[in-house]
Amino acid sequence: MVDQHFRGGANWFMLIKELRAAYDLSIYEAEEMALSHPGWRRWCNLRIKSDRACRMYAWRHLQAHGTASLVRQDGEQLTIG
């Protein structure tokens, strides 16, 4: 499902919503599943660097999840790691 959405140019929020519904996952678990796909990781890293809203979502995720976060911080840089 993750690869199908990636190849089909799906919306990130729609992907997370559909993963949650299909597999009864939390938001964190759905994001973790989606980010296991290298294409989605690359896409998210590019969005974090180029889109202010995505960067804010990444900061919030990092703050909410601390060491369990899917987002890594290196100085001012945020990446999906």
Protein backbone atom coordinates (compact mmCIF):
# COMPACT_ATOMS: atom_id res chain seq x y z
CA MET A 1 0.00 0.00 0.00
CA VAL A 2 2.82 2.42 0.86
CA ASP A 3 4.57 1.83 -2.46
CA GLN A 4 1.30 2.13 -4.41
CA HIS A 5 0.60 5.51 -2.86
CA PHE A 6 4.12 6.68 -3.57
CA ARG A 7 4.01 5.62 -7.22
CA GLY A 8 0.56 7.13 -7.60
CA GLY A 9 1.67 10.53 -6.30
CA ALA A 10 -0.61 10.31 -3.28
CA ASN A 11 -0.98 12.91 -0.60
CA TRP A 12 0.98 12.23 2.63
CA PHE A 13 -2.03 12.85 4.86
CA MET A 14 -4.22 10.54 2.77
CA LEU A 15 -1.57 7.82 2.97
CA ILE A 16 -1.42 8.06 6.77
CA LYS A 17 -5.22 8.07 7.00
CA GLU A 18 -5.51 4.97 4.81
CA LEU A 19 -2.74 3.11 6.64
CA ARG A 20 -4.44 3.81 9.97
CA ALA A 21 -7.79 2.55 8.69
CA ALA A 22 -6.41 -0.53 6.93
CA TYR A 23 -4.12 -1.73 9.73
CA ASP A 24 -5.67 -0.12 12.85
CA LEU A 25 -2.49 1.88 13.55
CA SER A 26 -1.75 4.96 15.61
CA ILE A 27 -0.56 8.04 13.75
CA TYR A 28 3.02 7.33 14.88
CA GLU A 29 2.83 3.71 13.68
CA ALA A 30 1.39 4.76 10.31
CA GLU A 31 4.12 7.39 9.87
CA GLU A 32 6.75 4.81 10.80
CA MET A 33 5.34 2.38 8.23
CA ALA A 34 5.21 5.05 5.52
CA LEU A 35 8.75 6.20 6.27
CA SER A 36 10.08 2.67 5.91
CA HIS A 37 9.72 3.35 2.16
CA PRO A 38 12.88 5.05 0.78
CA GLY A 39 10.91 7.18 -1.65
CA TRP A 40 8.66 8.60 1.05
CA ARG A 41 11.74 9.27 3.26
CA ARG A 42 13.39 11.23 0.43
CA TRP A 43 10.15 13.09 -0.28
CA CYS A 44 9.73 14.03 3.41
CA ASN A 45 13.34 15.16 3.72
CA LEU A 46 12.94 17.40 0.68
CA ARG A 47 9.66 18.81 2.01
CA ILE A 48 11.18 19.50 5.44
CA LYS A 49 13.94 21.51 3.76
CA SER A 50 11.69 23.41 1.35
CA ASP A 51 8.30 23.81 3.01
CA ARG A 52 7.81 25.79 6.21
CA ALA A 53 4.66 23.89 7.22
CA CYS A 54 6.39 20.52 6.82
CA ARG A 55 9.33 21.76 8.86
CA MET A 56 6.94 22.79 11.63
CA TYR A 57 5.27 19.35 11.58
CA ALA A 58 8.71 17.77 11.84
CA TRP A 59 9.64 20.00 14.83
CA ARG A 60 6.37 19.14 16.57
CA HIS A 61 6.92 15.44 15.97
CA LEU A 62 10.44 15.69 17.37
CA GLN A 63 9.25 17.55 20.45
CA ALA A 64 6.34 15.17 21.05
CA HIS A 65 8.33 11.95 20.68
CA GLY A 66 11.81 12.87 21.91
CA THR A 67 14.26 9.99 21.51
CA ALA A 68 11.58 7.82 19.88
CA SER A 69 11.07 10.44 17.15
CA LEU A 70 11.26 9.50 13.49
CA VAL A 71 12.85 12.93 12.93
CA ARG A 72 16.50 13.53 13.77
CA GLN A 73 18.08 16.86 14.55
CA ASP A 74 21.65 17.77 13.66
CA GLY A 75 22.13 21.37 14.72
CA GLU A 76 19.49 23.30 12.79
CA GLN A 77 18.97 20.49 10.27
CA LEU A 78 16.01 18.14 10.58
CA THR A 79 15.97 14.84 8.71
CA ILE A 80 14.03 11.64 8.62
CA GLY A 81 16.47 9.02 9.78
